[in-house]
Amino acid sequence: MASRTAFVYDSPFPLKSLETFFIRHSKDVFNRLEFSRALEDAKRLCDGRHSLSVMDVDAPIIVDGVIRAGFEIKTLREDVVNYGGYVKVNGRQYEGYMEFVRRTGIDVYYLVRVQARGGDYFYSWNVKRAPVRFEWLGSRENGTYDYYALIRRSAITKLADHEELVKYLRDLIFGR
């Protein structure tokens, strides 16, 4: 209840603006689903067999007219993202970003907000520079069996809080 009260009374944004934002965001999700389904239907209409994957870079960063980087932004629970000494993310998507980086030369970074009992923190890494291995992991019974990219935590930057994230982004995007 306290968080709802703070949201209602302490938020600097008018409720109508928040409502508009959330409605627009929800419609965007449905538009993406419709687009993906239309692509699959278009693929079925074509002769021959085609490999198709759809991905989006969540946050392309352009500074002074130059593309500096792209970010894939995730929020994952600590017990889901951490796998032994590795960080675990979707393998097919990761392979897509590796190919994107290879073909375009644009750096793609992952930025993962890790939800933890003691408070959230962030992981970030460059797709091109971080060593990765791929494995099928999880439980078929629980519906978690999937293809994952495993990135060594020793190759990842861990940011304790928002302030560290801001400084990291400053250095990464704007240099010192």
Protein backbone atom coordinates (compact mmCIF):
# COMPACT_ATOMS: atom_id res chain seq x y z
CA MET A 1 0.00 0.00 0.00
CA ALA A 2 2.79 2.42 0.82
CA SER A 3 4.29 2.12 -2.65
CA ARG A 4 0.92 2.83 -4.29
CA THR A 5 0.40 5.82 -2.02
CA ALA A 6 3.85 7.18 -2.83
CA PHE A 7 3.20 6.62 -6.53
CA VAL A 8 -0.11 8.48 -6.38
CA TYR A 9 0.91 11.39 -4.16
CA ASP A 10 4.66 11.77 -4.65
CA SER A 11 4.93 11.18 -8.40
CA PRO A 12 5.89 14.33 -10.31
CA PHE A 13 3.86 13.11 -13.31
CA PRO A 14 0.13 13.78 -13.67
CA LEU A 15 -1.91 10.57 -13.63
CA LYS A 16 -3.30 11.33 -17.10
CA SER A 17 0.25 11.45 -18.51
CA LEU A 18 1.08 8.12 -16.87
CA GLU A 19 -2.14 6.59 -18.18
CA THR A 20 -1.35 7.77 -21.71
CA PHE A 21 2.18 6.37 -21.47
CA PHE A 22 1.04 2.93 -20.25
CA ILE A 23 -1.75 2.68 -22.82
CA ARG A 24 0.67 3.58 -25.62
CA HIS A 25 3.23 1.10 -24.30
CA SER A 26 0.61 -1.68 -24.13
CA LYS A 27 -0.45 -0.97 -27.71
CA ASP A 28 3.19 -1.11 -28.77
CA VAL A 29 3.48 -4.63 -27.32
CA PHE A 30 0.45 -5.76 -29.35
CA ASN A 31 1.82 -4.08 -32.49
CA ARG A 32 5.08 -6.00 -32.08
CA LEU A 33 3.18 -9.27 -31.69
CA GLU A 34 1.08 -8.54 -34.76
CA PHE A 35 4.21 -7.64 -36.75
CA SER A 36 5.94 -10.88 -35.73
CA ARG A 37 2.90 -12.96 -36.67
CA ALA A 38 2.60 -11.15 -40.02
CA LEU A 39 6.27 -11.92 -40.74
CA GLU A 40 5.70 -15.59 -39.94
CA ASP A 41 2.67 -15.60 -42.27
CA ALA A 42 4.71 -13.89 -45.00
CA LYS A 43 7.43 -16.51 -44.57
CA ARG A 44 4.88 -19.30 -45.09
CA LEU A 45 3.77 -17.69 -48.38
CA CYS A 46 7.31 -17.80 -49.80
CA ASP A 47 8.72 -20.66 -51.83
CA GLY A 48 11.49 -22.56 -50.12
CA ARG A 49 12.57 -22.58 -46.53
CA HIS A 50 13.87 -19.42 -44.88
CA SER A 51 15.42 -18.83 -41.50
CA LEU A 52 13.77 -15.87 -39.79
CA SER A 53 14.54 -14.14 -36.54
CA VAL A 54 13.24 -10.82 -35.33
CA MET A 55 15.06 -8.74 -32.76
CA ASP A 56 15.19 -5.14 -31.72
CA VAL A 57 17.88 -3.08 -30.12
CA ASP A 58 16.08 -1.50 -27.17
CA ALA A 59 18.11 1.70 -27.01
CA PRO A 60 20.21 2.87 -29.96
CA ILE A 61 22.51 5.65 -28.71
CA ILE A 62 23.33 8.51 -31.10
CA VAL A 63 25.64 11.27 -29.90
CA ASP A 64 26.38 14.28 -32.09
CA GLY A 65 24.96 12.43 -35.10
CA VAL A 66 27.14 9.33 -34.59
CA ILE A 67 25.77 5.94 -33.56
CA ARG A 68 27.79 5.08 -30.47
CA ALA A 69 26.12 1.86 -29.35
CA GLY A 70 22.93 -0.07 -28.88
CA PHE A 71 21.61 -1.54 -25.65
CA GLU A 72 19.55 -4.63 -24.99
CA ILE A 73 17.81 -3.86 -21.70
CA LYS A 74 16.54 -6.64 -19.45
CA THR A 75 15.14 -7.04 -15.96
CA LEU A 76 15.71 -10.50 -14.48
CA ARG A 77 15.51 -12.06 -11.05
CA GLU A 78 18.83 -12.87 -9.44
CA ASP A 79 18.01 -16.60 -9.24
CA VAL A 80 17.22 -16.65 -12.98
CA VAL A 81 20.11 -14.63 -14.41
CA ASN A 82 22.94 -16.08 -12.31
CA TYR A 83 24.04 -19.57 -13.29
CA GLY A 84 27.12 -20.65 -11.37
CA GLY A 85 29.90 -18.26 -12.40
CA TYR A 86 27.91 -17.13 -15.44
CA VAL A 87 25.12 -14.78 -16.42
CA LYS A 88 22.41 -16.50 -18.45
CA VAL A 89 20.42 -14.80 -21.24
CA ASN A 90 18.48 -15.94 -24.32
CA GLY A 91 20.90 -17.70 -26.66
CA ARG A 92 19.14 -17.14 -30.00
CA GLN A 93 18.78 -13.44 -29.33
CA TYR A 94 22.43 -13.24 -28.30
CA GLU A 95 23.55 -14.95 -31.51
CA GLY A 96 21.45 -12.43 -33.43
CA TYR A 97 23.21 -9.54 -31.71
CA MET A 98 26.60 -11.13 -32.39
CA GLU A 99 25.74 -11.23 -36.11
CA PHE A 100 24.38 -7.67 -36.00
CA VAL A 101 27.64 -6.43 -34.45
CA ARG A 102 29.72 -8.39 -36.96
CA ARG A 103 27.85 -7.00 -39.95
CA THR A 104 27.37 -3.39 -38.81
CA GLY A 105 30.35 -2.72 -36.56
CA ILE A 106 27.99 -1.10 -34.03
CA ASP A 107 28.65 -2.18 -30.45
CA VAL A 108 25.74 -3.75 -28.61
CA TYR A 109 25.72 -3.88 -24.83
CA TYR A 110 23.49 -5.81 -22.49
CA LEU A 111 22.22 -3.91 -19.48
CA VAL A 112 20.47 -6.21 -17.02
CA ARG A 113 18.74 -4.93 -13.91
CA VAL A 114 19.08 -7.80 -11.46
CA GLN A 115 16.25 -7.99 -8.95
CA ALA A 116 17.70 -9.21 -5.67
CA ARG A 117 16.42 -9.50 -2.10
CA GLY A 118 19.03 -7.08 -0.81
CA GLY A 119 18.29 -4.53 -3.52
CA ASP A 120 18.64 -4.31 -7.27
CA TYR A 121 21.96 -4.03 -9.08
CA PHE A 122 23.02 -4.04 -12.73
CA TYR A 123 25.17 -6.15 -15.04
CA SER A 124 26.52 -4.75 -18.29
CA TRP A 125 28.79 -6.10 -21.01
CA ASN A 126 29.74 -5.68 -24.64
CA VAL A 127 28.50 -8.50 -26.89
CA LYS A 128 31.61 -8.31 -29.08
CA ARG A 129 34.12 -8.43 -26.22
CA ALA A 130 32.63 -10.80 -23.65
CA PRO A 131 33.49 -14.49 -24.07
CA VAL A 132 30.32 -16.55 -24.43
CA ARG A 133 29.30 -20.17 -24.65
CA PHE A 134 25.91 -21.59 -25.55
CA GLU A 135 23.99 -24.43 -23.89
CA TRP A 136 20.56 -25.96 -23.69
CA LEU A 137 19.52 -25.67 -20.03
CA GLY A 138 16.50 -25.83 -17.78
CA SER A 139 13.62 -28.15 -17.11
CA ARG A 140 11.22 -29.43 -19.74
CA GLU A 141 8.67 -30.09 -16.98
CA ASN A 142 8.80 -26.48 -15.74
CA GLY A 143 8.89 -25.02 -19.25
CA THR A 144 12.32 -23.44 -18.71
CA TYR A 145 14.29 -25.65 -21.10
CA ASP A 146 15.81 -23.33 -23.67
CA TYR A 147 18.96 -22.31 -25.51
CA TYR A 148 21.02 -19.90 -23.42
CA ALA A 149 24.08 -17.71 -23.82
CA LEU A 150 26.37 -18.00 -20.81
CA ILE A 151 28.71 -15.09 -20.15
CA ARG A 152 31.36 -15.36 -17.43
CA ARG A 153 30.60 -12.98 -14.58
CA SER A 154 34.30 -12.13 -14.46
CA ALA A 155 33.88 -10.55 -17.94
CA ILE A 156 30.88 -8.47 -16.87
CA THR A 157 30.71 -5.09 -15.18
CA LYS A 158 28.61 -5.20 -12.02
CA LEU A 159 27.10 -1.88 -11.00
CA ALA A 160 25.83 -1.64 -7.43
CA ASP A 161 23.26 1.12 -7.90
CA HIS A 162 21.86 3.91 -10.06
CA GLU A 163 24.80 6.23 -9.36
CA GLU A 164 27.31 3.64 -10.57
CA LEU A 165 25.15 3.05 -13.65
CA VAL A 166 25.14 6.77 -14.46
CA LYS A 167 28.94 7.00 -14.19
CA TYR A 168 29.39 3.84 -16.25
CA LEU A 169 27.16 5.22 -19.02
CA ARG A 170 28.92 8.59 -18.89
CA ASP A 171 32.30 6.94 -19.40
CA LEU A 172 31.04 4.48 -22.00
CA ILE A 173 29.02 6.88 -24.14
CA PHE A 174 30.70 10.24 -23.64
CA GLY A 175 34.20 9.26 -22.52
CA ARG A 176 35.75 11.02 -19.57
